[in-house]
N, C-alpha and C. Protein backbone atom coordinates (compact mmCIF):
# COMPACT_ATOMS: atom_id res chain seq x y z
N UNK A 1 -2.04 -20.57 84.67
CA UNK A 1 -1.03 -19.80 85.33
C UNK A 1 0.26 -19.95 84.53
N UNK A 2 0.95 -18.90 84.38
CA UNK A 2 2.25 -18.93 83.71
C UNK A 2 3.32 -18.70 84.77
N UNK A 3 4.33 -19.56 84.76
CA UNK A 3 5.41 -19.45 85.75
C UNK A 3 6.76 -19.51 85.06
N UNK A 4 7.78 -19.03 85.74
CA UNK A 4 9.15 -19.06 85.25
C UNK A 4 10.00 -19.85 86.24
N UNK A 5 10.88 -20.69 85.73
CA UNK A 5 11.75 -21.52 86.56
C UNK A 5 13.20 -21.16 86.31
N UNK A 6 14.06 -21.57 87.24
CA UNK A 6 15.50 -21.31 87.10
C UNK A 6 16.07 -21.95 85.84
N UNK A 7 15.70 -23.22 85.62
CA UNK A 7 16.22 -23.96 84.48
C UNK A 7 15.29 -25.13 84.18
N UNK A 8 15.62 -25.92 83.18
CA UNK A 8 14.74 -27.02 82.77
C UNK A 8 14.61 -28.08 83.85
N UNK A 9 15.68 -28.36 84.56
CA UNK A 9 15.62 -29.35 85.63
C UNK A 9 14.67 -28.93 86.74
N UNK A 10 14.72 -27.67 87.08
CA UNK A 10 13.83 -27.14 88.12
C UNK A 10 12.38 -27.19 87.66
N UNK A 11 12.13 -26.87 86.41
CA UNK A 11 10.76 -26.91 85.88
C UNK A 11 10.21 -28.33 85.95
N UNK A 12 10.99 -29.31 85.51
CA UNK A 12 10.52 -30.69 85.54
C UNK A 12 10.28 -31.15 86.98
N UNK A 13 11.21 -30.85 87.86
CA UNK A 13 11.08 -31.25 89.27
C UNK A 13 9.83 -30.64 89.89
N UNK A 14 9.62 -29.35 89.70
CA UNK A 14 8.50 -28.66 90.33
C UNK A 14 7.16 -29.20 89.83
N UNK A 15 7.03 -29.43 88.55
CA UNK A 15 5.77 -29.95 88.02
C UNK A 15 5.55 -31.40 88.42
N UNK A 16 6.61 -32.19 88.50
CA UNK A 16 6.48 -33.58 88.92
C UNK A 16 5.95 -33.64 90.36
N UNK A 17 6.35 -32.70 91.20
CA UNK A 17 5.90 -32.68 92.59
C UNK A 17 4.39 -32.46 92.70
N UNK A 18 3.80 -31.85 91.68
CA UNK A 18 2.36 -31.57 91.70
C UNK A 18 1.52 -32.75 91.24
N UNK A 19 2.16 -33.82 90.84
CA UNK A 19 1.53 -35.05 90.35
C UNK A 19 0.44 -34.72 89.33
N UNK A 20 -0.78 -35.17 89.55
CA UNK A 20 -1.85 -34.96 88.57
C UNK A 20 -2.59 -33.65 88.78
N UNK A 21 -2.11 -32.82 89.69
CA UNK A 21 -2.77 -31.54 89.98
C UNK A 21 -2.38 -30.43 89.01
N UNK A 22 -1.48 -30.71 88.09
CA UNK A 22 -1.04 -29.68 87.15
C UNK A 22 -0.75 -30.31 85.79
N UNK A 23 -0.80 -29.50 84.77
CA UNK A 23 -0.46 -29.94 83.42
C UNK A 23 0.41 -28.88 82.76
N UNK A 24 1.51 -29.31 82.20
CA UNK A 24 2.36 -28.40 81.44
C UNK A 24 1.77 -28.28 80.03
N UNK A 25 1.45 -27.09 79.63
CA UNK A 25 0.92 -26.86 78.28
C UNK A 25 2.03 -26.56 77.29
N UNK A 26 3.10 -26.00 77.79
CA UNK A 26 4.25 -25.65 76.96
C UNK A 26 5.43 -25.42 77.89
N UNK A 27 6.61 -25.53 77.43
CA UNK A 27 7.07 -25.90 76.10
C UNK A 27 6.94 -27.41 75.86
N UNK A 28 7.00 -27.78 74.61
CA UNK A 28 6.81 -29.18 74.22
C UNK A 28 7.85 -30.09 74.85
N UNK A 29 9.10 -29.64 74.97
CA UNK A 29 10.14 -30.49 75.55
C UNK A 29 9.79 -30.89 76.97
N UNK A 30 9.13 -30.00 77.72
CA UNK A 30 8.74 -30.30 79.10
C UNK A 30 7.62 -31.32 79.12
N UNK A 31 6.66 -31.18 78.23
CA UNK A 31 5.57 -32.16 78.13
C UNK A 31 6.13 -33.55 77.82
N UNK A 32 7.06 -33.62 76.88
CA UNK A 32 7.66 -34.90 76.51
C UNK A 32 8.45 -35.48 77.69
N UNK A 33 9.21 -34.65 78.36
CA UNK A 33 10.00 -35.11 79.49
C UNK A 33 9.12 -35.68 80.60
N UNK A 34 8.04 -34.98 80.93
CA UNK A 34 7.13 -35.47 81.97
C UNK A 34 6.42 -36.75 81.53
N UNK A 35 6.04 -36.82 80.27
CA UNK A 35 5.40 -38.04 79.75
C UNK A 35 6.35 -39.22 79.86
N UNK A 36 7.60 -39.03 79.45
CA UNK A 36 8.58 -40.11 79.52
C UNK A 36 8.84 -40.54 80.95
N UNK A 37 8.89 -39.59 81.84
CA UNK A 37 9.13 -39.90 83.26
C UNK A 37 7.97 -40.70 83.83
N UNK A 38 6.76 -40.36 83.46
CA UNK A 38 5.58 -41.08 83.94
C UNK A 38 5.47 -42.46 83.31
N UNK A 39 5.91 -42.59 82.06
CA UNK A 39 5.80 -43.87 81.36
C UNK A 39 6.76 -44.92 81.91
N UNK A 40 7.88 -44.51 82.45
CA UNK A 40 8.88 -45.47 82.93
C UNK A 40 8.31 -46.41 84.00
N UNK A 41 7.74 -45.91 85.09
CA UNK A 41 7.19 -46.85 86.07
C UNK A 41 5.94 -47.57 85.57
N UNK A 42 5.16 -46.93 84.72
CA UNK A 42 3.98 -47.60 84.17
C UNK A 42 4.41 -48.81 83.35
N UNK A 43 5.46 -48.67 82.59
CA UNK A 43 5.99 -49.79 81.81
C UNK A 43 6.55 -50.87 82.73
N UNK A 44 7.28 -50.44 83.73
CA UNK A 44 7.89 -51.38 84.67
C UNK A 44 6.85 -52.23 85.36
N UNK A 45 5.71 -51.65 85.72
CA UNK A 45 4.69 -52.36 86.47
C UNK A 45 3.58 -52.92 85.59
N UNK A 46 3.78 -52.87 84.29
CA UNK A 46 2.88 -53.55 83.38
C UNK A 46 1.62 -52.80 83.00
N UNK A 47 1.54 -51.51 83.26
CA UNK A 47 0.38 -50.74 82.84
C UNK A 47 0.40 -50.56 81.34
N UNK A 48 -0.75 -50.65 80.72
CA UNK A 48 -0.81 -50.44 79.28
C UNK A 48 -1.08 -48.98 78.98
N UNK A 49 -0.66 -48.53 77.82
CA UNK A 49 -0.87 -47.13 77.46
C UNK A 49 -2.13 -46.92 76.70
């Protein structure tokens, strides 16, 4: 599915709400942003990558 968002913040927020039920295929900046957001608590709680 292809969707359009108001801005980058809205795109990140909306996809984060879907947890593992969705994957951003593009743009790359959004993929990186979501990866970094997910990595923060994983690092905090000792999960390995």
